[in-house]
Every structure is written in structure tokens, then in C-alpha cells.
Amino acid sequence: MSKKKKNKAIIGDIMYSTNPDFEYEFEQETETLAPADQDLRIWLDRKHRGGKQATLIKGFIGSDADLKDLAKILKTKCGVGGSSKDGEIIIQGDFRDKALDILKGLGYKAKKAGA
């Protein structure tokens, strides 16, 4: 016996207004800067991860799709898992040197940051 949802999820952010002057505001996706214009910082992080290390790459300016593509390249070349969100790429483990080499090879301006 399967249960059906009574309230289906609304697709998108559509809103109803009784105001005749209401205009729906669309969020514009940010344009991705060229790799030479990006200034990326590579950090080693241990906080909130149960003592495990993770490489953080911060400072990406662009669309989420481009961020995910870059994260996929880095994860594949490092041979590990990770994620990407909010302009940050998280790679499991300490891969700062390898990530720096990969990013510089792709034409990004990147450097190690933190202690």
C-alpha cells in the first residue's frame, strides 16, 4: 500500500500576488570569470569533519554548473570524493599541492592559504 503526497512540491519560486503592479523578479545567474581572472585560495580544513582533513578551495566566482565542473575535474584527478557549493570546493584529504598544480595547469590564479 503506497501513500501519495497530498501537497506536491511547487516547482520554482512562483508566487501569487493580488497587487496589479507586482512584477516577478528573476534571479540572474552570475557570469563565470575567465580562469586567469579567478583568484582561488587553497586551505586545509579539519573543523566539523571528525578530525579528518579536507582541502577547501575558496574564491570561485561564477555559476554553480561551472563550479561543479571544476570540482569534478579536481576530484577525478585526485582520485577522491568531495562536494561543491556556495563558491567552495571541498576535496576529501590533504591534496593542496596536487590541487594547486591542477588549477595552475588549467590557467587559474591559485595559491595556498592558511597555516
Protein backbone atom coordinates (compact mmCIF):
# COMPACT_ATOMS: atom_id res chain seq x y z
CA MET A 1 0.00 0.00 0.00
CA SER A 2 1.66 3.21 -1.12
CA LYS A 3 0.99 6.61 0.31
CA LYS A 4 0.61 9.56 -2.04
CA LYS A 5 1.58 13.06 -1.07
CA LYS A 6 -1.38 15.36 -0.71
CA ASN A 7 0.67 18.51 -1.24
CA LYS A 8 3.00 18.32 -4.19
CA ALA A 9 6.15 20.40 -4.18
CA ILE A 10 5.95 23.67 -6.06
CA ILE A 11 8.45 23.81 -8.88
CA GLY A 12 10.42 27.06 -8.87
CA ASP A 13 9.80 30.15 -6.80
CA ILE A 14 6.45 31.19 -8.26
CA MET A 15 4.39 33.47 -6.08
CA TYR A 16 0.85 34.81 -6.38
CA SER A 17 0.13 38.46 -5.70
CA THR A 18 -3.07 40.49 -5.76
CA ASN A 19 -1.10 43.67 -6.40
CA PRO A 20 -1.69 44.74 -10.03
CA ASP A 21 1.74 46.45 -10.15
CA PHE A 22 3.61 43.34 -8.99
CA GLU A 23 6.48 42.25 -11.21
CA TYR A 24 8.22 38.95 -10.64
CA GLU A 25 11.97 39.37 -10.05
CA PHE A 26 14.16 36.78 -11.67
CA GLU A 27 17.50 35.96 -10.12
CA GLN A 28 20.27 36.42 -12.61
CA GLU A 29 22.95 33.80 -12.62
CA THR A 30 26.42 35.21 -12.14
CA GLU A 31 28.73 35.03 -15.09
CA THR A 32 31.80 32.88 -14.68
CA LEU A 33 35.04 34.80 -14.84
CA ALA A 34 37.83 33.57 -17.06
CA PRO A 35 40.33 31.27 -15.30
CA ALA A 36 43.05 33.95 -15.48
CA ASP A 37 40.74 36.39 -13.64
CA GLN A 38 39.86 33.97 -10.84
CA ASP A 39 41.80 34.28 -7.57
CA LEU A 40 41.46 30.95 -5.78
CA ARG A 41 42.79 30.09 -2.30
CA ILE A 42 43.53 26.55 -1.19
CA TRP A 43 43.05 25.74 2.50
CA LEU A 44 43.44 22.65 4.67
CA ASP A 45 40.46 22.21 6.97
CA ARG A 46 39.84 19.83 9.89
CA LYS A 47 36.88 21.55 11.55
CA HIS A 48 33.48 19.85 11.72
CA ARG A 49 34.80 16.75 9.97
CA GLY A 50 35.51 14.40 12.86
CA GLY A 51 39.25 15.11 12.76
CA LYS A 52 39.55 14.19 9.09
CA GLN A 53 41.31 16.51 6.69
CA ALA A 54 39.71 18.20 3.73
CA THR A 55 41.12 20.53 1.09
CA LEU A 56 38.99 23.65 0.63
CA ILE A 57 39.20 25.78 -2.49
CA LYS A 58 37.57 29.18 -1.97
CA GLY A 59 37.04 32.25 -4.09
CA PHE A 60 35.39 30.84 -7.23
CA ILE A 61 33.19 33.42 -8.94
CA GLY A 62 30.71 32.00 -11.40
CA SER A 63 27.76 29.74 -12.00
CA ASP A 64 27.05 26.62 -9.97
CA ALA A 65 27.35 24.46 -13.09
CA ASP A 66 30.90 25.72 -13.77
CA LEU A 67 31.80 25.22 -10.10
CA LYS A 68 30.57 21.62 -10.25
CA ASP A 69 32.52 21.02 -13.47
CA LEU A 70 35.74 22.30 -11.87
CA ALA A 71 35.08 20.23 -8.74
CA LYS A 72 34.56 17.13 -10.86
CA ILE A 73 37.89 17.67 -12.63
CA LEU A 74 39.71 18.10 -9.31
CA LYS A 75 38.04 15.09 -7.67
CA THR A 76 38.76 12.88 -10.68
CA LYS A 77 42.42 13.86 -10.94
CA CYS A 78 42.93 13.47 -7.18
CA GLY A 79 41.01 10.19 -7.12
CA VAL A 80 38.87 11.11 -4.12
CA GLY A 81 35.39 12.33 -3.25
CA GLY A 82 34.18 15.76 -2.35
CA SER A 83 31.50 18.35 -2.99
CA SER A 84 30.92 21.86 -4.21
CA LYS A 85 28.55 24.58 -3.00
CA ASP A 86 28.45 28.29 -2.19
CA GLY A 87 31.55 29.06 -4.27
CA GLU A 88 33.66 26.47 -2.43
CA ILE A 89 35.05 23.11 -3.47
CA ILE A 90 35.70 20.50 -0.78
CA ILE A 91 38.03 17.61 -1.58
CA GLN A 92 38.47 14.79 0.92
CA GLY A 93 42.04 14.56 2.21
CA ASP A 94 45.13 16.76 2.02
CA PHE A 95 45.57 17.44 -1.69
CA ARG A 96 46.71 21.07 -1.53
CA ASP A 97 49.83 20.60 -3.67
CA LYS A 98 48.11 18.45 -6.27
CA ALA A 99 45.10 20.81 -6.45
CA LEU A 100 47.45 23.78 -6.87
CA ASP A 101 49.23 22.06 -9.77
CA ILE A 102 45.94 21.11 -11.44
CA LEU A 103 44.46 24.61 -11.08
CA LYS A 104 47.59 26.29 -12.41
CA GLY A 105 47.58 23.83 -15.33
CA LEU A 106 44.01 24.90 -16.12
CA GLY A 107 45.07 28.56 -16.12
CA TYR A 108 43.67 29.64 -12.74
CA LYS A 109 45.48 32.01 -10.38
CA ALA A 110 45.70 29.96 -7.20
CA LYS A 111 47.81 29.88 -4.07
CA LYS A 112 47.93 28.13 -0.73
CA ALA A 113 46.41 29.98 2.17
CA GLY A 114 46.22 29.41 5.91
CA ALA A 115 48.75 27.82 8.19
